[in-house]
Amino acid sequence: MEKRNLVFIATSLDGYIADRNGGLDWLTSTPNPEQSDMGYNEFMTQVDALVMGRKTFETVCGFEGDWPYAKPVFIVSRTLGTVAEEYRDKAELVKGSLTEILKQIHDKGYHKLYIDGGVTIQNFLKEDLIDEITITTIPIVLGGGSPLFSVLPKDLEFTLVTSKVFLNQLVQNRYTRKRK
C-alpha cells in the first residue's frame, strides 16, 4: 500500500495561513458566487484520513454547523490530554514522534493522509514527510500571522504538477516532492 502525506491549504500572498489573531475571514475575501470548492472535494477523495494539530482542531470545533469531515481525524498534540466528549467519535488523539504517529495511523489501515495545520505541516516538512503540497494563494497581504513555512534543516525540492486559476483571482499550484 502506497503511503502518501498530502497538504491542501490556502495562503496569503505573503505566505500566511491565518491572520495575526488566528482569523480566517480573509480566506473568503474574494467573491465566490458559484461557491466553488476550488478542488477541495476532489482532493478529499484521494485521502483516507486527516492529521491535524491541536490549534487547527480547536479552530474546526469552533466552526458553525455540522462536523465537516466524513473521514477519520487524528489530532497531533503534546498538550491536549483528551478529546472533548462530543468529538470522541469523530477525532482521536495521537502522541509520539511523527514516525511513531504515522505507524499508529498506518496500522489502522489509513495510508493517504491529509496533513493540516501550520505547525503540524512545518513539523512534517522538517522530517521530510510531505509528498505533495497544494497551495491556493489568496490575493491579500496580511503582513503577519501564522506562516505556512518555517526554518528547515535542509532544502526540499518539489516539482510543479498543475497550476489552476479559480475565480480569476486565486492561483492554485500542486507540487510533488522530488525524491532522488
C-alpha atoms as a PDB file:
ATOM      1  CA  MET A   1       0.000   0.000   0.000  1.00  0.00           C
ATOM      2  CA  GLU A   2       1.441   3.327  -1.083  1.00  0.00           C
ATOM      3  CA  LYS A   3       1.773   5.774   1.798  1.00  0.00           C
ATOM      4  CA  ARG A   4       1.362   9.464   0.995  1.00  0.00           C
ATOM      5  CA  ASN A   5       1.163  12.606   3.097  1.00  0.00           C
ATOM      6  CA  LEU A   6      -0.626  15.445   1.327  1.00  0.00           C
ATOM      7  CA  VAL A   7      -1.233  19.106   2.130  1.00  0.00           C
ATOM      8  CA  PHE A   8      -4.137  21.192   0.766  1.00  0.00           C
ATOM      9  CA  ILE A   9      -4.032  24.737   2.096  1.00  0.00           C
ATOM     10  CA  ALA A  10      -4.510  28.412   1.265  1.00  0.00           C
ATOM     11  CA  THR A  11      -2.051  31.203   1.969  1.00  0.00           C
ATOM     12  CA  SER A  12      -1.966  34.962   1.643  1.00  0.00           C
ATOM     13  CA  LEU A  13       0.412  36.450  -0.932  1.00  0.00           C
ATOM     14  CA  ASP A  14       2.966  36.815   1.872  1.00  0.00           C
ATOM     15  CA  GLY A  15       2.672  33.181   2.942  1.00  0.00           C
ATOM     16  CA  TYR A  16       0.383  33.276   5.989  1.00  0.00           C
ATOM     17  CA  ILE A  17      -2.347  30.721   6.715  1.00  0.00           C
ATOM     18  CA  ALA A  18      -4.062  32.748   9.454  1.00  0.00           C
ATOM     19  CA  ASP A  19      -4.013  36.447  10.328  1.00  0.00           C
ATOM     20  CA  ARG A  20      -2.393  37.959  13.441  1.00  0.00           C
ATOM     21  CA  ASN A  21      -5.415  36.979  15.555  1.00  0.00           C
ATOM     22  CA  GLY A  22      -5.648  33.458  14.133  1.00  0.00           C
ATOM     23  CA  GLY A  23      -8.537  34.630  11.937  1.00  0.00           C
ATOM     24  CA  LEU A  24      -9.506  33.091   8.623  1.00  0.00           C
ATOM     25  CA  ASP A  25     -12.054  35.653   7.338  1.00  0.00           C
ATOM     26  CA  TRP A  26      -9.631  36.775   4.624  1.00  0.00           C
ATOM     27  CA  LEU A  27      -9.975  33.318   3.010  1.00  0.00           C
ATOM     28  CA  THR A  28     -13.407  34.335   1.739  1.00  0.00           C
ATOM     29  CA  SER A  29     -12.416  37.882   0.742  1.00  0.00           C
ATOM     30  CA  THR A  30     -12.671  37.004  -2.964  1.00  0.00           C
ATOM     31  CA  PRO A  31     -16.299  36.855  -4.148  1.00  0.00           C
ATOM     32  CA  ASN A  32     -17.314  33.267  -4.939  1.00  0.00           C
ATOM     33  CA  PRO A  33     -20.883  33.447  -6.307  1.00  0.00           C
ATOM     34  CA  GLU A  34     -20.836  29.855  -7.632  1.00  0.00           C
ATOM     35  CA  GLN A  35     -19.478  28.580  -4.276  1.00  0.00           C
ATOM     36  CA  SER A  36     -16.543  26.825  -5.967  1.00  0.00           C
ATOM     37  CA  ASP A  37     -14.716  24.475  -3.600  1.00  0.00           C
ATOM     38  CA  MET A  38     -11.522  25.011  -5.637  1.00  0.00           C
ATOM     39  CA  GLY A  39     -10.814  21.308  -5.894  1.00  0.00           C
ATOM     40  CA  TYR A  40     -11.256  20.519  -2.202  1.00  0.00           C
ATOM     41  CA  ASN A  41     -13.864  17.755  -2.653  1.00  0.00           C
ATOM     42  CA  GLU A  42     -11.792  16.133  -5.407  1.00  0.00           C
ATOM     43  CA  PHE A  43      -8.735  16.316  -3.134  1.00  0.00           C
ATOM     44  CA  MET A  44     -10.679  14.701  -0.274  1.00  0.00           C
ATOM     45  CA  THR A  45     -11.472  11.665  -2.460  1.00  0.00           C
ATOM     46  CA  GLN A  46      -7.708  10.965  -2.525  1.00  0.00           C
ATOM     47  CA  VAL A  47      -7.238  10.759   1.252  1.00  0.00           C
ATOM     48  CA  ASP A  48      -8.162   8.127   3.864  1.00  0.00           C
ATOM     49  CA  ALA A  49      -7.838  10.278   6.983  1.00  0.00           C
ATOM     50  CA  LEU A  50      -6.768  13.686   8.297  1.00  0.00           C
ATOM     51  CA  VAL A  51      -3.892  14.506  10.611  1.00  0.00           C
ATOM     52  CA  MET A  52      -4.064  17.931  12.232  1.00  0.00           C
ATOM     53  CA  GLY A  53      -2.610  19.832  15.125  1.00  0.00           C
ATOM     54  CA  ARG A  54      -4.452  20.927  18.250  1.00  0.00           C
ATOM     55  CA  LYS A  55      -4.914  24.558  17.137  1.00  0.00           C
ATOM     56  CA  THR A  56      -6.431  23.505  13.815  1.00  0.00           C
ATOM     57  CA  PHE A  57      -8.686  21.005  15.590  1.00  0.00           C
ATOM     58  CA  GLU A  58      -9.860  23.699  18.009  1.00  0.00           C
ATOM     59  CA  THR A  59     -10.482  26.079  15.095  1.00  0.00           C
ATOM     60  CA  VAL A  60     -12.579  23.435  13.298  1.00  0.00           C
ATOM     61  CA  CYS A  61     -14.527  22.753  16.518  1.00  0.00           C
ATOM     62  CA  GLY A  62     -15.371  26.470  16.598  1.00  0.00           C
ATOM     63  CA  PHE A  63     -16.951  26.460  13.122  1.00  0.00           C
ATOM     64  CA  GLU A  64     -20.719  26.742  12.945  1.00  0.00           C
ATOM     65  CA  GLY A  65     -22.670  23.838  11.526  1.00  0.00           C
ATOM     66  CA  ASP A  66     -22.027  20.121  11.436  1.00  0.00           C
ATOM     67  CA  TRP A  67     -18.662  18.401  11.785  1.00  0.00           C
ATOM     68  CA  PRO A  68     -17.048  18.963   8.359  1.00  0.00           C
ATOM     69  CA  TYR A  69     -15.254  15.620   7.913  1.00  0.00           C
ATOM     70  CA  ALA A  70     -16.615  12.223   6.936  1.00  0.00           C
ATOM     71  CA  LYS A  71     -13.152  10.653   7.316  1.00  0.00           C
ATOM     72  CA  PRO A  72     -11.240   9.844  10.496  1.00  0.00           C
ATOM     73  CA  VAL A  73      -9.357  12.734  12.113  1.00  0.00           C
ATOM     74  CA  PHE A  74      -6.166  12.242  14.113  1.00  0.00           C
ATOM     75  CA  ILE A  75      -5.023  15.093  16.358  1.00  0.00           C
ATOM     76  CA  VAL A  76      -1.301  15.514  16.964  1.00  0.00           C
ATOM     77  CA  SER A  77      -0.743  17.278  20.279  1.00  0.00           C
ATOM     78  CA  ARG A  78       1.760  17.292  23.107  1.00  0.00           C
ATOM     79  CA  THR A  79      -0.517  19.379  25.339  1.00  0.00           C
ATOM     80  CA  LEU A  80      -4.027  18.019  24.767  1.00  0.00           C
ATOM     81  CA  GLY A  81      -4.841  15.307  27.291  1.00  0.00           C
ATOM     82  CA  THR A  82      -8.179  14.150  25.932  1.00  0.00           C
ATOM     83  CA  VAL A  83     -10.695  14.888  23.190  1.00  0.00           C
ATOM     84  CA  ALA A  84     -13.931  16.572  24.325  1.00  0.00           C
ATOM     85  CA  GLU A  85     -16.836  14.134  24.703  1.00  0.00           C
ATOM     86  CA  GLU A  86     -18.794  15.464  21.701  1.00  0.00           C
ATOM     87  CA  TYR A  87     -15.832  14.835  19.348  1.00  0.00           C
ATOM     88  CA  ARG A  88     -14.690  11.412  20.586  1.00  0.00           C
ATOM     89  CA  ASP A  89     -16.482   9.569  17.777  1.00  0.00           C
ATOM     90  CA  LYS A  90     -15.010  11.999  15.220  1.00  0.00           C
ATOM     91  CA  ALA A  91     -11.398  12.537  16.263  1.00  0.00           C
ATOM     92  CA  GLU A  92      -8.657  10.611  18.009  1.00  0.00           C
ATOM     93  CA  LEU A  93      -5.592  11.897  19.830  1.00  0.00           C
ATOM     94  CA  VAL A  94      -2.214  10.506  18.674  1.00  0.00           C
ATOM     95  CA  LYS A  95       1.071  11.003  20.504  1.00  0.00           C
ATOM     96  CA  GLY A  96       4.736  10.254  19.928  1.00  0.00           C
ATOM     97  CA  SER A  97       7.272  11.150  17.263  1.00  0.00           C
ATOM     98  CA  LEU A  98       5.889  11.731  13.766  1.00  0.00           C
ATOM     99  CA  THR A  99       7.192   8.353  12.604  1.00  0.00           C
ATOM    100  CA  GLU A 100       5.504   6.668  15.609  1.00  0.00           C
ATOM    101  CA  ILE A 101       2.283   8.567  14.919  1.00  0.00           C
ATOM    102  CA  LEU A 102       2.363   7.592  11.229  1.00  0.00           C
ATOM    103  CA  LYS A 103       2.915   3.945  12.181  1.00  0.00           C
ATOM    104  CA  GLN A 104      -0.109   4.068  14.544  1.00  0.00           C
ATOM    105  CA  ILE A 105      -2.283   5.535  11.765  1.00  0.00           C
ATOM    106  CA  HIS A 106      -0.946   3.180   9.062  1.00  0.00           C
ATOM    107  CA  ASP A 107      -1.559   0.201  11.373  1.00  0.00           C
ATOM    108  CA  LYS A 108      -5.237   1.246  11.453  1.00  0.00           C
ATOM    109  CA  GLY A 109      -5.342   0.982   7.637  1.00  0.00           C
ATOM    110  CA  TYR A 110      -5.026   4.661   6.679  1.00  0.00           C
ATOM    111  CA  HIS A 111      -2.244   5.393   4.213  1.00  0.00           C
ATOM    112  CA  LYS A 112      -3.132   8.525   2.250  1.00  0.00           C
ATOM    113  CA  LEU A 113      -3.186  11.302   4.809  1.00  0.00           C
ATOM    114  CA  TYR A 114      -4.268  14.944   4.634  1.00  0.00           C
ATOM    115  CA  ILE A 115      -1.814  16.840   6.821  1.00  0.00           C
ATOM    116  CA  ASP A 116      -3.365  20.087   8.101  1.00  0.00           C
ATOM    117  CA  GLY A 117      -2.363  22.907  10.428  1.00  0.00           C
ATOM    118  CA  GLY A 118       0.623  25.232  10.283  1.00  0.00           C
ATOM    119  CA  VAL A 119       2.852  23.752  12.988  1.00  0.00           C
ATOM    120  CA  THR A 120       1.921  20.189  12.003  1.00  0.00           C
ATOM    121  CA  ILE A 121       2.796  20.856   8.343  1.00  0.00           C
ATOM    122  CA  GLN A 122       6.067  22.538   9.396  1.00  0.00           C
ATOM    123  CA  ASN A 123       6.983  19.551  11.581  1.00  0.00           C
ATOM    124  CA  PHE A 124       6.228  17.082   8.768  1.00  0.00           C
ATOM    125  CA  LEU A 125       8.371  19.191   6.409  1.00  0.00           C
ATOM    126  CA  LYS A 126      11.239  19.280   8.939  1.00  0.00           C
ATOM    127  CA  GLU A 127      11.280  15.476   8.829  1.00  0.00           C
ATOM    128  CA  ASP A 128      10.777  15.400   5.019  1.00  0.00           C
ATOM    129  CA  LEU A 129       7.457  13.576   5.372  1.00  0.00           C
ATOM    130  CA  ILE A 130       5.346  15.601   2.890  1.00  0.00           C
ATOM    131  CA  ASP A 131       4.846  14.027  -0.540  1.00  0.00           C
ATOM    132  CA  GLU A 132       2.535  16.608  -2.125  1.00  0.00           C
ATOM    133  CA  ILE A 133       1.514  20.195  -1.410  1.00  0.00           C
ATOM    134  CA  THR A 134      -1.412  22.039  -2.976  1.00  0.00           C
ATOM    135  CA  ILE A 135      -1.323  25.758  -2.175  1.00  0.00           C
ATOM    136  CA  THR A 136      -4.067  28.184  -3.167  1.00  0.00           C
ATOM    137  CA  THR A 137      -2.807  31.766  -2.995  1.00  0.00           C
ATOM    138  CA  ILE A 138      -5.363  34.402  -1.970  1.00  0.00           C
ATOM    139  CA  PRO A 139      -4.516  37.903  -3.328  1.00  0.00           C
ATOM    140  CA  ILE A 140      -4.136  39.639   0.026  1.00  0.00           C
ATOM    141  CA  VAL A 141      -1.077  40.708   2.007  1.00  0.00           C
ATOM    142  CA  LEU A 142      -1.675  40.122   5.724  1.00  0.00           C
ATOM    143  CA  GLY A 143       1.652  41.489   6.935  1.00  0.00           C
ATOM    144  CA  GLY A 144       1.794  38.974   9.776  1.00  0.00           C
ATOM    145  CA  GLY A 145       0.114  35.948  11.267  1.00  0.00           C
ATOM    146  CA  SER A 146       0.767  32.211  11.181  1.00  0.00           C
ATOM    147  CA  PRO A 147       3.261  31.346   8.439  1.00  0.00           C
ATOM    148  CA  LEU A 148       2.909  28.198   6.362  1.00  0.00           C
ATOM    149  CA  PHE A 149       6.649  27.603   6.275  1.00  0.00           C
ATOM    150  CA  SER A 150       9.420  27.810   8.857  1.00  0.00           C
ATOM    151  CA  VAL A 151      13.145  27.076   9.051  1.00  0.00           C
ATOM    152  CA  LEU A 152      14.076  23.641   7.726  1.00  0.00           C
ATOM    153  CA  PRO A 153      17.235  21.601   8.321  1.00  0.00           C
ATOM    154  CA  LYS A 154      17.730  21.200   4.556  1.00  0.00           C
ATOM    155  CA  ASP A 155      16.273  22.303   1.234  1.00  0.00           C
ATOM    156  CA  LEU A 156      13.325  20.257  -0.033  1.00  0.00           C
ATOM    157  CA  GLU A 157      12.803  20.267  -3.783  1.00  0.00           C
ATOM    158  CA  PHE A 158       9.326  19.961  -5.250  1.00  0.00           C
ATOM    159  CA  THR A 159       8.074  19.681  -8.828  1.00  0.00           C
ATOM    160  CA  LEU A 160       5.096  21.668 -10.102  1.00  0.00           C
ATOM    161  CA  VAL A 161       2.411  19.226 -11.297  1.00  0.00           C
ATOM    162  CA  THR A 162      -0.527  21.538 -12.058  1.00  0.00           C
ATOM    163  CA  SER A 163      -1.415  25.186 -11.818  1.00  0.00           C
ATOM    164  CA  LYS A 164      -5.004  26.434 -11.947  1.00  0.00           C
ATOM    165  CA  VAL A 165      -6.742  29.769 -11.559  1.00  0.00           C
ATOM    166  CA  PHE A 166     -10.044  29.995  -9.683  1.00  0.00           C
ATOM    167  CA  LEU A 167     -12.426  32.973  -9.701  1.00  0.00           C
ATOM    168  CA  ASN A 168      -9.966  34.821 -11.977  1.00  0.00           C
ATOM    169  CA  GLN A 169      -8.043  35.686  -8.782  1.00  0.00           C
ATOM    170  CA  LEU A 170      -6.808  32.656  -6.881  1.00  0.00           C
ATOM    171  CA  VAL A 171      -3.832  30.651  -8.094  1.00  0.00           C
ATOM    172  CA  GLN A 172      -3.612  27.029  -7.016  1.00  0.00           C
ATOM    173  CA  ASN A 173      -0.348  25.176  -7.503  1.00  0.00           C
ATOM    174  CA  ARG A 174       0.119  21.479  -6.821  1.00  0.00           C
ATOM    175  CA  TYR A 175       3.640  20.230  -6.172  1.00  0.00           C
ATOM    176  CA  THR A 176       5.076  16.772  -5.570  1.00  0.00           C
ATOM    177  CA  ARG A 177       8.209  16.113  -3.574  1.00  0.00           C
ATOM    178  CA  LYS A 178      11.204  15.449  -5.806  1.00  0.00           C
ATOM    179  CA  ARG A 179      12.825  12.292  -4.419  1.00  0.00           C
ATOM    180  CA  LYS A 180      16.197  11.045  -5.591  1.00  0.00           C
END
